[in-house]
PDB file of N, CA and C in Angstrom:
ATOM      1  N   MET A   1     -19.752 -12.028  15.346  1.00  0.00           N
ATOM      2  CA  MET A   1     -18.685 -11.192  14.827  1.00  0.00           C
ATOM      3  C   MET A   1     -17.352 -11.921  14.995  1.00  0.00           C
ATOM      4  N   ARG A   2     -16.557 -11.892  13.929  1.00  0.00           N
ATOM      5  CA  ARG A   2     -15.259 -12.575  13.971  1.00  0.00           C
ATOM      6  C   ARG A   2     -14.243 -11.746  14.737  1.00  0.00           C
ATOM      7  N   LYS A   3     -13.346 -12.452  15.390  1.00  0.00           N
ATOM      8  CA  LYS A   3     -12.228 -11.806  16.088  1.00  0.00           C
ATOM      9  C   LYS A   3     -10.961 -12.081  15.291  1.00  0.00           C
ATOM     10  N   TYR A   4     -10.142 -11.060  15.150  1.00  0.00           N
ATOM     11  CA  TYR A   4      -8.887 -11.189  14.420  1.00  0.00           C
ATOM     12  C   TYR A   4      -7.742 -10.899  15.389  1.00  0.00           C
ATOM     13  N   ASP A   5      -6.705 -11.740  15.336  1.00  0.00           N
ATOM     14  CA  ASP A   5      -5.575 -11.496  16.230  1.00  0.00           C
ATOM     15  C   ASP A   5      -4.689 -10.387  15.662  1.00  0.00           C
ATOM     16  N   ASP A   6      -3.817  -9.857  16.502  1.00  0.00           N
ATOM     17  CA  ASP A   6      -2.964  -8.731  16.098  1.00  0.00           C
ATOM     18  C   ASP A   6      -2.069  -9.075  14.916  1.00  0.00           C
ATOM     19  N   GLU A   7      -1.579 -10.302  14.871  1.00  0.00           N
ATOM     20  CA  GLU A   7      -0.703 -10.715  13.773  1.00  0.00           C
ATOM     21  C   GLU A   7      -1.444 -10.652  12.434  1.00  0.00           C
ATOM     22  N   TYR A   8      -2.695 -11.083  12.427  1.00  0.00           N
ATOM     23  CA  TYR A   8      -3.516 -11.060  11.214  1.00  0.00           C
ATOM     24  C   TYR A   8      -3.747  -9.607  10.778  1.00  0.00           C
ATOM     25  N   LYS A   9      -4.072  -8.751  11.738  1.00  0.00           N
ATOM     26  CA  LYS A   9      -4.313  -7.343  11.436  1.00  0.00           C
ATOM     27  C   LYS A   9      -3.059  -6.683  10.877  1.00  0.00           C
ATOM     28  N   GLN A  10      -1.908  -6.959  11.507  1.00  0.00           N
ATOM     29  CA  GLN A  10      -0.652  -6.361  11.043  1.00  0.00           C
ATOM     30  C   GLN A  10      -0.294  -6.851   9.648  1.00  0.00           C
ATOM     31  N   SER A  11      -0.571  -8.109   9.371  1.00  0.00           N
ATOM     32  CA  SER A  11      -0.309  -8.662   8.047  1.00  0.00           C
ATOM     33  C   SER A  11      -1.169  -7.967   6.991  1.00  0.00           C
ATOM     34  N   ALA A  12      -2.427  -7.735   7.323  1.00  0.00           N
ATOM     35  CA  ALA A  12      -3.330  -7.053   6.390  1.00  0.00           C
ATOM     36  C   ALA A  12      -2.875  -5.620   6.137  1.00  0.00           C
ATOM     37  N   VAL A  13      -2.500  -4.921   7.191  1.00  0.00           N
ATOM     38  CA  VAL A  13      -2.055  -3.532   7.057  1.00  0.00           C
ATOM     39  C   VAL A  13      -0.734  -3.477   6.287  1.00  0.00           C
ATOM     40  N   LYS A  14       0.128  -4.461   6.481  1.00  0.00           N
ATOM     41  CA  LYS A  14       1.399  -4.502   5.748  1.00  0.00           C
ATOM     42  C   LYS A  14       1.149  -4.595   4.244  1.00  0.00           C
ATOM     43  N   LYS A  15       0.148  -5.374   3.855  1.00  0.00           N
ATOM     44  CA  LYS A  15      -0.191  -5.482   2.432  1.00  0.00           C
ATOM     45  C   LYS A  15      -0.568  -4.115   1.873  1.00  0.00           C
ATOM     46  N   ILE A  16      -1.311  -3.345   2.659  1.00  0.00           N
ATOM     47  CA  ILE A  16      -1.715  -2.006   2.223  1.00  0.00           C
ATOM     48  C   ILE A  16      -0.496  -1.099   2.127  1.00  0.00           C
ATOM     49  N   HIS A  17       0.364  -1.166   3.129  1.00  0.00           N
ATOM     50  CA  HIS A  17       1.570  -0.328   3.121  1.00  0.00           C
ATOM     51  C   HIS A  17       2.536  -0.732   2.010  1.00  0.00           C
ATOM     52  N   ASP A  18       2.466  -1.994   1.592  1.00  0.00           N
ATOM     53  CA  ASP A  18       3.337  -2.462   0.510  1.00  0.00           C
ATOM     54  C   ASP A  18       2.796  -2.101  -0.869  1.00  0.00           C
ATOM     55  N   GLY A  19       1.645  -1.420  -0.900  1.00  0.00           N
ATOM     56  CA  GLY A  19       1.166  -0.908  -2.178  1.00  0.00           C
ATOM     57  C   GLY A  19      -0.143  -1.476  -2.672  1.00  0.00           C
ATOM     58  N   GLN A  20      -0.667  -2.511  -2.032  1.00  0.00           N
ATOM     59  CA  GLN A  20      -1.960  -3.029  -2.451  1.00  0.00           C
ATOM     60  C   GLN A  20      -3.054  -2.063  -2.009  1.00  0.00           C
ATOM     61  N   SER A  21      -4.107  -1.972  -2.792  1.00  0.00           N
ATOM     62  CA  SER A  21      -5.205  -1.097  -2.411  1.00  0.00           C
ATOM     63  C   SER A  21      -6.013  -1.732  -1.288  1.00  0.00           C
ATOM     64  N   VAL A  22      -6.697  -0.889  -0.542  1.00  0.00           N
ATOM     65  CA  VAL A  22      -7.545  -1.385   0.541  1.00  0.00           C
ATOM     66  C   VAL A  22      -8.619  -2.300  -0.040  1.00  0.00           C
ATOM     67  N   ALA A  23      -9.162  -1.922  -1.186  1.00  0.00           N
ATOM     68  CA  ALA A  23     -10.215  -2.726  -1.827  1.00  0.00           C
ATOM     69  C   ALA A  23      -9.707  -4.123  -2.188  1.00  0.00           C
ATOM     70  N   SER A  24      -8.492  -4.214  -2.729  1.00  0.00           N
ATOM     71  CA  SER A  24      -7.984  -5.534  -3.129  1.00  0.00           C
ATOM     72  C   SER A  24      -7.667  -6.398  -1.912  1.00  0.00           C
ATOM     73  N   VAL A  25      -7.143  -5.788  -0.852  1.00  0.00           N
ATOM     74  CA  VAL A  25      -6.871  -6.542   0.380  1.00  0.00           C
ATOM     75  C   VAL A  25      -8.193  -6.999   0.989  1.00  0.00           C
ATOM     76  N   SER A  26      -9.192  -6.146   0.924  1.00  0.00           N
ATOM     77  CA  SER A  26     -10.522  -6.487   1.447  1.00  0.00           C
ATOM     78  C   SER A  26     -11.084  -7.709   0.729  1.00  0.00           C
ATOM     79  N   ARG A  27     -10.999  -7.706  -0.592  1.00  0.00           N
ATOM     80  CA  ARG A  27     -11.492  -8.848  -1.375  1.00  0.00           C
ATOM     81  C   ARG A  27     -10.675 -10.106  -1.089  1.00  0.00           C
ATOM     82  N   GLU A  28      -9.362  -9.935  -1.035  1.00  0.00           N
ATOM     83  CA  GLU A  28      -8.470 -11.077  -0.821  1.00  0.00           C
ATOM     84  C   GLU A  28      -8.730 -11.751   0.524  1.00  0.00           C
ATOM     85  N   LEU A  29      -8.923 -10.951   1.571  1.00  0.00           N
ATOM     86  CA  LEU A  29      -9.061 -11.501   2.912  1.00  0.00           C
ATOM     87  C   LEU A  29     -10.509 -11.681   3.358  1.00  0.00           C
ATOM     88  N   GLY A  30     -11.441 -11.113   2.600  1.00  0.00           N
ATOM     89  CA  GLY A  30     -12.837 -11.205   2.987  1.00  0.00           C
ATOM     90  C   GLY A  30     -13.155 -10.368   4.221  1.00  0.00           C
ATOM     91  N   VAL A  31     -12.498  -9.213   4.323  1.00  0.00           N
ATOM     92  CA  VAL A  31     -12.673  -8.306   5.455  1.00  0.00           C
ATOM     93  C   VAL A  31     -13.209  -6.986   4.915  1.00  0.00           C
ATOM     94  N   ALA A  32     -14.121  -6.361   5.643  1.00  0.00           N
ATOM     95  CA  ALA A  32     -14.697  -5.089   5.209  1.00  0.00           C
ATOM     96  C   ALA A  32     -13.628  -4.012   5.093  1.00  0.00           C
ATOM     97  N   GLU A  33     -13.772  -3.158   4.084  1.00  0.00           N
ATOM     98  CA  GLU A  33     -12.813  -2.072   3.885  1.00  0.00           C
ATOM     99  C   GLU A  33     -12.755  -1.160   5.100  1.00  0.00           C
ATOM    100  N   SER A  34     -13.908  -0.888   5.706  1.00  0.00           N
ATOM    101  CA  SER A  34     -13.934  -0.002   6.877  1.00  0.00           C
ATOM    102  C   SER A  34     -13.099  -0.580   8.023  1.00  0.00           C
ATOM    103  N   LEU A  35     -13.137  -1.896   8.166  1.00  0.00           N
ATOM    104  CA  LEU A  35     -12.345  -2.542   9.206  1.00  0.00           C
ATOM    105  C   LEU A  35     -10.850  -2.400   8.913  1.00  0.00           C
ATOM    106  N   LEU A  36     -10.480  -2.542   7.655  1.00  0.00           N
ATOM    107  CA  LEU A  36      -9.079  -2.371   7.265  1.00  0.00           C
ATOM    108  C   LEU A  36      -8.613  -0.936   7.519  1.00  0.00           C
ATOM    109  N   HIS A  37      -9.481   0.033   7.224  1.00  0.00           N
ATOM    110  CA  HIS A  37      -9.117   1.432   7.490  1.00  0.00           C
ATOM    111  C   HIS A  37      -8.914   1.649   8.989  1.00  0.00           C
ATOM    112  N   ASN A  38      -9.760   1.033   9.820  1.00  0.00           N
ATOM    113  CA  ASN A  38      -9.594   1.145  11.276  1.00  0.00           C
ATOM    114  C   ASN A  38      -8.269   0.543  11.722  1.00  0.00           C
ATOM    115  N   TRP A  39      -7.944  -0.639  11.204  1.00  0.00           N
ATOM    116  CA  TRP A  39      -6.682  -1.296  11.566  1.00  0.00           C
ATOM    117  C   TRP A  39      -5.502  -0.440  11.148  1.00  0.00           C
ATOM    118  N   LYS A  40      -5.588   0.124   9.950  1.00  0.00           N
ATOM    119  CA  LYS A  40      -4.505   0.965   9.435  1.00  0.00           C
ATOM    120  C   LYS A  40      -4.313   2.183  10.335  1.00  0.00           C
ATOM    121  N   ARG A  41      -5.397   2.800  10.759  1.00  0.00           N
ATOM    122  CA  ARG A  41      -5.331   3.962  11.648  1.00  0.00           C
ATOM    123  C   ARG A  41      -4.724   3.576  12.993  1.00  0.00           C
ATOM    124  N   GLN A  42      -5.118   2.420  13.529  1.00  0.00           N
ATOM    125  CA  GLN A  42      -4.585   1.960  14.810  1.00  0.00           C
ATOM    126  C   GLN A  42      -3.082   1.715  14.728  1.00  0.00           C
ATOM    127  N   VAL A  43      -2.642   1.099  13.651  1.00  0.00           N
ATOM    128  CA  VAL A  43      -1.215   0.842  13.470  1.00  0.00           C
ATOM    129  C   VAL A  43      -0.466   2.167  13.348  1.00  0.00           C
ATOM    130  N   SER A  44      -1.045   3.109  12.628  1.00  0.00           N
ATOM    131  CA  SER A  44      -0.408   4.414  12.453  1.00  0.00           C
ATOM    132  C   SER A  44      -0.265   5.144  13.781  1.00  0.00           C
ATOM    133  N   GLU A  45      -1.279   5.044  14.631  1.00  0.00           N
ATOM    134  CA  GLU A  45      -1.229   5.716  15.928  1.00  0.00           C
ATOM    135  C   GLU A  45      -0.148   5.129  16.830  1.00  0.00           C
ATOM    136  N   ARG A  46       0.121   3.837  16.675  1.00  0.00           N
ATOM    137  CA  ARG A  46       1.126   3.171  17.510  1.00  0.00           C
ATOM    138  C   ARG A  46       2.535   3.282  16.933  1.00  0.00           C
ATOM    139  N   SER A  47       2.648   3.736  15.691  1.00  0.00           N
ATOM    140  CA  SER A  47       3.946   3.784  15.018  1.00  0.00           C
ATOM    141  C   SER A  47       4.803   4.926  15.548  1.00  0.00           C
ATOM    142  N   SER A  48       6.096   4.688  15.540  1.00  0.00           N
ATOM    143  CA  SER A  48       7.041   5.735  15.924  1.00  0.00           C
ATOM    144  C   SER A  48       7.251   6.678  14.734  1.00  0.00           C
ATOM    145  N   ASP A  49       7.909   7.788  14.985  1.00  0.00           N
ATOM    146  CA  ASP A  49       8.202   8.740  13.912  1.00  0.00           C
ATOM    147  C   ASP A  49       9.060   8.093  12.830  1.00  0.00           C
ATOM    148  N   ALA A  50      10.001   7.246  13.234  1.00  0.00           N
ATOM    149  CA  ALA A  50      10.863   6.575  12.261  1.00  0.00           C
ATOM    150  C   ALA A  50      10.042   5.635  11.378  1.00  0.00           C
ATOM    151  N   ASP A  51       9.086   4.927  11.986  1.00  0.00           N
ATOM    152  CA  ASP A  51       8.225   4.035  11.200  1.00  0.00           C
ATOM    153  C   ASP A  51       7.386   4.828  10.206  1.00  0.00           C
ATOM    154  N   LYS A  52       6.861   5.964  10.658  1.00  0.00           N
ATOM    155  CA  LYS A  52       6.041   6.801   9.775  1.00  0.00           C
ATOM    156  C   LYS A  52       6.874   7.343   8.614  1.00  0.00           C
ATOM    157  N   GLU A  53       8.101   7.734   8.915  1.00  0.00           N
ATOM    158  CA  GLU A  53       8.981   8.247   7.863  1.00  0.00           C
ATOM    159  C   GLU A  53       9.318   7.141   6.861  1.00  0.00           C
ATOM    160  N   THR A  54       9.562   5.940   7.371  1.00  0.00           N
ATOM    161  CA  THR A  54       9.851   4.804   6.496  1.00  0.00           C
ATOM    162  C   THR A  54       8.680   4.528   5.566  1.00  0.00           C
ATOM    163  N   LEU A  55       7.464   4.538   6.099  1.00  0.00           N
ATOM    164  CA  LEU A  55       6.278   4.315   5.275  1.00  0.00           C
ATOM    165  C   LEU A  55       6.135   5.401   4.210  1.00  0.00           C
ATOM    166  N   ALA A  56       6.369   6.648   4.593  1.00  0.00           N
ATOM    167  CA  ALA A  56       6.269   7.750   3.636  1.00  0.00           C
ATOM    168  C   ALA A  56       7.307   7.604   2.527  1.00  0.00           C
ATOM    169  N   LEU A  57       8.519   7.207   2.890  1.00  0.00           N
ATOM    170  CA  LEU A  57       9.568   7.023   1.886  1.00  0.00           C
ATOM    171  C   LEU A  57       9.257   5.856   0.956  1.00  0.00           C
ATOM    172  N   LYS A  58       8.711   4.771   1.507  1.00  0.00           N
ATOM    173  CA  LYS A  58       8.332   3.637   0.666  1.00  0.00           C
ATOM    174  C   LYS A  58       7.244   4.032  -0.323  1.00  0.00           C
ATOM    175  N   LYS A  59       6.289   4.838   0.140  1.00  0.00           N
ATOM    176  CA  LYS A  59       5.223   5.303  -0.748  1.00  0.00           C
ATOM    177  C   LYS A  59       5.809   6.159  -1.866  1.00  0.00           C
ATOM    178  N   GLN A  60       6.747   7.037  -1.501  1.00  0.00           N
ATOM    179  CA  GLN A  60       7.379   7.890  -2.504  1.00  0.00           C
ATOM    180  C   GLN A  60       8.168   7.055  -3.515  1.00  0.00           C
ATOM    181  N   ILE A  61       8.841   6.030  -3.066  1.00  0.00           N
ATOM    182  CA  ILE A  61       9.589   5.152  -3.967  1.00  0.00           C
ATOM    183  C   ILE A  61       8.639   4.476  -4.951  1.00  0.00           C
ATOM    184  N   ARG A  62       7.503   3.958  -4.443  1.00  0.00           N
ATOM    185  CA  ARG A  62       6.526   3.316  -5.331  1.00  0.00           C
ATOM    186  C   ARG A  62       6.032   4.279  -6.402  1.00  0.00           C
ATOM    187  N   GLU A  63       5.737   5.519  -5.992  1.00  0.00           N
ATOM    188  CA  GLU A  63       5.254   6.517  -6.940  1.00  0.00           C
ATOM    189  C   GLU A  63       6.313   6.843  -7.990  1.00  0.00           C
ATOM    190  N   LEU A  64       7.556   7.004  -7.558  1.00  0.00           N
ATOM    191  CA  LEU A  64       8.631   7.312  -8.495  1.00  0.00           C
ATOM    192  C   LEU A  64       8.893   6.156  -9.460  1.00  0.00           C
ATOM    193  N   GLU A  65       8.808   4.927  -8.960  1.00  0.00           N
ATOM    194  CA  GLU A  65       8.987   3.767  -9.828  1.00  0.00           C
ATOM    195  C   GLU A  65       7.877   3.706 -10.874  1.00  0.00           C
ATOM    196  N   MET A  66       6.654   4.032 -10.463  1.00  0.00           N
ATOM    197  CA  MET A  66       5.544   4.030 -11.394  1.00  0.00           C
ATOM    198  C   MET A  66       5.746   5.106 -12.469  1.00  0.00           C
ATOM    199  N   GLU A  67       6.177   6.297 -12.066  1.00  0.00           N
ATOM    200  CA  GLU A  67       6.453   7.367 -13.019  1.00  0.00           C
ATOM    201  C   GLU A  67       7.560   6.959 -13.987  1.00  0.00           C
ATOM    202  N   ARG A  68       8.608   6.332 -13.466  1.00  0.00           N
ATOM    203  CA  ARG A  68       9.722   5.881 -14.303  1.00  0.00           C
ATOM    204  C   ARG A  68       9.236   4.891 -15.352  1.00  0.00           C
ATOM    205  N   ASP A  69       8.406   3.941 -14.918  1.00  0.00           N
ATOM    206  CA  ASP A  69       7.892   2.929 -15.845  1.00  0.00           C
ATOM    207  C   ASP A  69       7.040   3.555 -16.941  1.00  0.00           C
ATOM    208  N   ILE A  70       6.240   4.549 -16.575  1.00  0.00           N
ATOM    209  CA  ILE A  70       5.410   5.244 -17.571  1.00  0.00           C
ATOM    210  C   ILE A  70       6.302   5.964 -18.582  1.00  0.00           C
ATOM    211  N   LEU A  71       7.336   6.627 -18.082  1.00  0.00           N
ATOM    212  CA  LEU A  71       8.243   7.341 -18.987  1.00  0.00           C
ATOM    213  C   LEU A  71       8.997   6.386 -19.906  1.00  0.00           C
ATOM    214  N   LYS A  72       9.380   5.222 -19.402  1.00  0.00           N
ATOM    215  CA  LYS A  72      10.060   4.229 -20.240  1.00  0.00           C
ATOM    216  C   LYS A  72       9.147   3.781 -21.375  1.00  0.00           C
ATOM    217  N   LYS A  73       7.884   3.506 -21.041  1.00  0.00           N
ATOM    218  CA  LYS A  73       6.930   3.074 -22.065  1.00  0.00           C
ATOM    219  C   LYS A  73       6.691   4.174 -23.090  1.00  0.00           C
ATOM    220  N   ALA A  74       6.577   5.411 -22.612  1.00  0.00           N
ATOM    221  CA  ALA A  74       6.370   6.537 -23.524  1.00  0.00           C
ATOM    222  C   ALA A  74       7.568   6.699 -24.459  1.00  0.00           C
ATOM    223  N   ALA A  75       8.768   6.546 -23.926  1.00  0.00           N
ATOM    224  CA  ALA A  75       9.971   6.675 -24.756  1.00  0.00           C
ATOM    225  C   ALA A  75      10.004   5.601 -25.834  1.00  0.00           C
ATOM    226  N   LEU A  76       9.579   4.393 -25.488  1.00  0.00           N
ATOM    227  CA  LEU A  76       9.534   3.322 -26.487  1.00  0.00           C
ATOM    228  C   LEU A  76       8.511   3.616 -27.562  1.00  0.00           C
ATOM    229  N   ILE A  77       7.346   4.110 -27.168  1.00  0.00           N
ATOM    230  CA  ILE A  77       6.288   4.412 -28.140  1.00  0.00           C
ATOM    231  C   ILE A  77       6.717   5.523 -29.070  1.00  0.00           C
ATOM    232  N   PHE A  78       7.225   6.624 -28.510  1.00  0.00           N
ATOM    233  CA  PHE A  78       7.608   7.757 -29.344  1.00  0.00           C
ATOM    234  C   PHE A  78       8.883   7.487 -30.131  1.00  0.00           C
ATOM    235  N   GLY A  79       9.735   6.642 -29.604  1.00  0.00           N
ATOM    236  CA  GLY A  79      10.957   6.286 -30.323  1.00  0.00           C
ATOM    237  C   GLY A  79      10.670   5.488 -31.581  1.00  0.00           C
ATOM    238  N   LYS A  80       9.630   4.654 -31.545  1.00  0.00           N
ATOM    239  CA  LYS A  80       9.270   3.836 -32.705  1.00  0.00           C
ATOM    240  C   LYS A  80       8.537   4.650 -33.781  1.00  0.00           C
ATOM    241  N   SER A  81       7.795   5.675 -33.363  1.00  0.00           N
ATOM    242  CA  SER A  81       6.979   6.412 -34.333  1.00  0.00           C
ATOM    243  C   SER A  81       7.734   7.524 -35.040  1.00  0.00           C
ATOM    244  N   VAL A  82       8.967   7.772 -34.641  1.00  0.00           N
ATOM    245  CA  VAL A  82       9.735   8.874 -35.248  1.00  0.00           C
ATOM    246  C   VAL A  82      10.377   8.440 -36.523  1.00  0.00           C
TER     247      VAL A  82
END
């Protein structure tokens, strides 16, 4: 069984928090998804309330940016067909 240092684990979890899916990080790093979920849970348990709030806000920003991009594309499509 391979051993991973804390820096490697934190780097993997950061990729997930930055918006990459667990599946894509798993493929990229060659690490089982279940192991990534465990690392993510461990990091979450050690995080302060401020860190948790920051992560939640970053997730909300990503979602809003995605919605904005969809609306921009829709406006272009409907603007051309009118």
